[in-house]
Each structure stands twice: as C-alpha cells, then as structure tokens.
Amino acid sequence: MAVVDPDPMSNPTVAPVAVTIRTAREEDSASIALLATQLGYPASTEEIRKRLCRILQADADSAIVAELANGEVCGWILVVSTISLTSAPRAEVAGLVVDQAMRGLGIGARLLQAAMHWATINDFAEVRVHSNTIRERAHQFYEREGFKRIKTQVLFGKLT
C-alpha cells in the first residue's frame, strides 16, 4: 500500500533536513541493508531485496524510507499488519532505523508519523512496537512519541 507523506508542518518534530518520506522501492535494497546492519541485523543487499520484494508484492504491510534531496536513503520503517485471536487487528512497527550520523534530527519521528498514517488509512486502531530491553534511547523516543509501555516479555525462536 502506497504511503502518502503526511503534512510535515503538522508535527513540531519535523526534521530540519529536507527528507522525502516515501514507499520503499527495490532499488533501495543496498541502503536498507546498510541501515539494517546499523540496527544490529546484518543482511546482504540480495537478502534485503528478496525480503523487500515479498513485502511489496504482498501489499499487506508497508516499508517506508526517508530519502535525502541527493537521493540517499537515510532511514526506514517497516509497519506490518497483525491479526490474532486474542486481540483486535493492529499494526506493528517491525523495524525502524535512521542513519547513525543523522539521528536526533526528527527523521525517525517523520517515519513513525508515516507509519501511523498508514495504520490509520488501513483501519488499524492501534500501533504497537517491540523494542529490545537494551535500547533505552529507542524507548525514550517511543514514549516521547506517545507510546506507552504495555509489558516486558521473553522472545523464543526455533528454526524450522
């Protein structure tokens, strides 16, 4: 689903740098991979390209990027739809990263605002974020953006 850049003047945390918020494209894969590595999730350009293509083809979730005037992607957010038997359908932020050299400029807030807009136009009443317990700066960011802590939990995984 396409992303429409919400009005940047409606949010006082607008980045003082010129960025365009738009839906990710396949050609963004290399930049997304570099930023994923900064987030602590290294992946090759090809791995990201395959994942991104699946996301874009499914049209149920949204990968959104922040692009500088020179065409460089300096941040991304992935917002996904979640359906469960135990709660109403909701959107979840599955990843958010801004280039480490550009953090604190409001770009993350713009990306989050775009994800919230996507959730609203897709009729989700709530957006949730899972954040690693060691990411205190991220926790402060989300709380500043109006999110409330709901619970702390343990994540388990097993290869198939």
Protein backbone atom coordinates (compact mmCIF):
# COMPACT_ATOMS: atom_id res chain seq x y z
CA MET A 1 0.00 0.00 0.00
CA ALA A 2 1.43 3.33 -1.00
CA VAL A 3 2.48 5.86 1.57
CA VAL A 4 1.40 9.45 1.39
CA ASP A 5 3.78 11.82 3.16
CA PRO A 6 1.74 13.34 5.98
CA ASP A 7 1.90 17.10 6.28
CA PRO A 8 5.34 17.78 7.81
CA MET A 9 4.10 21.06 9.26
CA SER A 10 1.59 19.21 11.46
CA ASN A 11 4.37 17.79 13.62
CA PRO A 12 6.73 20.05 15.58
CA THR A 13 9.43 17.36 15.44
CA VAL A 14 9.91 17.85 11.71
CA ALA A 15 13.46 17.16 10.60
CA PRO A 16 15.48 20.30 9.94
CA VAL A 17 16.94 18.49 6.94
CA ALA A 18 14.99 18.06 3.72
CA VAL A 19 13.71 14.49 3.53
CA THR A 20 11.05 12.87 1.44
CA ILE A 21 9.05 10.11 3.08
CA ARG A 22 8.00 7.51 0.52
CA THR A 23 7.30 3.83 -0.01
CA ALA A 24 10.48 1.77 -0.33
CA ARG A 25 11.47 0.51 -3.76
CA GLU A 26 13.55 -2.48 -4.80
CA GLU A 27 16.45 -0.19 -5.72
CA ASP A 28 16.63 0.92 -2.06
CA SER A 29 17.80 -2.55 -1.01
CA ALA A 30 21.50 -1.69 -0.61
CA SER A 31 20.75 1.33 1.59
CA ILE A 32 18.21 -0.62 3.63
CA ALA A 33 20.79 -3.39 4.15
CA LEU A 34 23.40 -0.91 5.42
CA LEU A 35 20.90 0.62 7.82
CA ALA A 36 19.73 -2.82 8.99
CA THR A 37 23.36 -3.54 9.88
CA GLN A 38 23.48 -0.34 11.95
CA LEU A 39 20.37 -1.58 13.74
CA GLY A 40 22.17 -4.83 14.56
CA TYR A 41 20.63 -7.05 11.91
CA PRO A 42 23.25 -7.52 9.18
CA ALA A 43 21.96 -8.73 5.85
CA SER A 44 23.22 -8.65 2.30
CA THR A 45 21.69 -6.44 -0.35
CA GLU A 46 20.32 -9.55 -2.05
CA GLU A 47 18.70 -10.83 1.16
CA ILE A 48 17.05 -7.45 1.73
CA ARG A 49 15.98 -7.25 -1.92
CA LYS A 50 14.20 -10.61 -1.65
CA ARG A 51 12.51 -9.66 1.61
CA LEU A 52 11.50 -6.25 0.32
CA CYS A 53 10.04 -7.72 -2.87
CA ARG A 54 7.88 -10.08 -0.79
CA ILE A 55 6.67 -7.17 1.32
CA LEU A 56 5.90 -5.01 -1.70
CA GLN A 57 4.13 -7.83 -3.55
CA ALA A 58 2.01 -8.84 -0.57
CA ASP A 59 0.67 -5.30 -0.16
CA ALA A 60 -0.42 -6.09 3.42
CA ASP A 61 2.47 -4.26 5.10
CA SER A 62 4.43 -1.12 4.33
CA ALA A 63 8.16 -0.45 4.05
CA ILE A 64 8.76 3.29 4.15
CA VAL A 65 12.00 5.19 3.65
CA ALA A 66 13.33 8.67 4.33
CA GLU A 67 15.21 9.99 1.32
CA LEU A 68 17.54 12.99 1.27
CA ALA A 69 17.47 15.52 -1.57
CA ASN A 70 20.52 13.80 -3.09
CA GLY A 71 18.59 10.51 -3.34
CA GLU A 72 20.32 8.82 -0.40
CA VAL A 73 18.08 6.74 1.87
CA CYS A 74 18.84 7.76 5.44
CA GLY A 75 16.20 5.78 7.33
CA TRP A 76 13.44 3.23 7.08
CA ILE A 77 10.48 1.84 8.96
CA LEU A 78 8.56 -1.37 8.42
CA VAL A 79 4.98 -1.46 9.64
CA VAL A 80 3.10 -4.75 9.45
CA SER A 81 -0.46 -5.86 9.97
CA THR A 82 -1.03 -8.30 12.80
CA ILE A 83 -4.11 -10.46 13.16
CA SER A 84 -4.66 -12.52 16.29
CA LEU A 85 -7.39 -14.45 18.04
CA THR A 86 -6.50 -12.73 21.32
CA SER A 87 -6.78 -9.09 20.21
CA ALA A 88 -8.19 -6.80 17.58
CA PRO A 89 -6.20 -6.41 14.35
CA ARG A 90 -3.38 -3.93 14.76
CA ALA A 91 -0.29 -2.58 13.09
CA GLU A 92 3.18 -3.20 14.48
CA VAL A 93 6.45 -1.45 13.82
CA ALA A 94 8.72 -4.33 12.84
CA GLY A 95 11.80 -2.15 12.43
CA LEU A 96 12.84 1.49 12.49
CA VAL A 97 16.32 2.87 11.89
CA VAL A 98 17.83 6.21 10.98
CA ASP A 99 21.44 6.50 9.86
CA GLN A 100 23.58 6.93 12.97
CA ALA A 101 25.02 10.18 11.60
CA MET A 102 21.51 11.66 11.26
CA ARG A 103 19.83 10.61 14.49
CA GLY A 104 18.19 13.26 16.62
CA LEU A 105 17.10 15.36 13.62
CA GLY A 106 13.45 14.28 13.67
CA ILE A 107 13.71 11.81 10.80
CA GLY A 108 12.60 8.89 12.97
CA ALA A 109 9.58 10.89 14.09
CA ARG A 110 8.68 11.57 10.46
CA LEU A 111 8.97 7.87 9.61
CA LEU A 112 6.86 6.93 12.62
CA GLN A 113 4.28 9.55 11.65
CA ALA A 114 4.08 7.97 8.17
CA ALA A 115 3.60 4.52 9.72
CA MET A 116 0.83 5.88 11.95
CA HIS A 117 -0.80 7.42 8.88
CA TRP A 118 -0.58 4.06 7.05
CA ALA A 119 -2.19 2.33 10.06
CA THR A 120 -4.99 4.89 10.16
CA ILE A 121 -5.88 4.66 6.47
CA ASN A 122 -5.83 0.86 6.76
CA ASP A 123 -8.30 0.95 9.68
CA PHE A 124 -5.98 -0.20 12.45
CA ALA A 125 -6.97 1.31 15.79
CA GLU A 126 -3.59 0.65 17.42
CA VAL A 127 0.09 0.57 16.56
CA ARG A 128 2.49 -1.41 18.73
CA VAL A 129 6.27 -1.58 18.88
CA HIS A 130 8.50 -4.35 20.21
CA SER A 131 11.83 -2.93 21.36
CA ASN A 132 14.81 -4.79 22.79
CA THR A 133 15.22 -4.12 26.51
CA ILE A 134 18.75 -2.75 25.93
CA ARG A 135 17.55 0.01 23.56
CA GLU A 136 16.85 2.66 26.20
CA ARG A 137 17.26 5.54 23.74
CA ALA A 138 14.63 3.94 21.50
CA HIS A 139 12.30 3.51 24.48
CA GLN A 140 12.62 7.21 25.27
CA PHE A 141 11.88 8.05 21.63
CA TYR A 142 8.69 5.96 21.54
CA GLU A 143 7.49 7.36 24.86
CA ARG A 144 8.16 10.88 23.59
CA GLU A 145 6.04 9.99 20.55
CA GLY A 146 3.12 9.00 22.81
CA PHE A 147 3.58 5.23 23.09
CA LYS A 148 3.02 3.59 26.49
CA ARG A 149 4.86 0.58 27.88
CA ILE A 150 2.50 -2.37 27.99
CA LYS A 151 4.64 -5.28 29.15
CA THR A 152 8.06 -6.90 29.17
CA GLN A 153 8.35 -10.37 27.68
CA VAL A 154 10.76 -13.03 26.53
CA LEU A 155 11.02 -13.94 22.85
CA PHE A 156 11.63 -17.54 21.82
CA GLY A 157 12.56 -18.86 18.38
CA LYS A 158 13.25 -22.18 16.72
CA LEU A 159 14.45 -22.93 13.20
CA THR A 160 12.10 -24.96 11.02
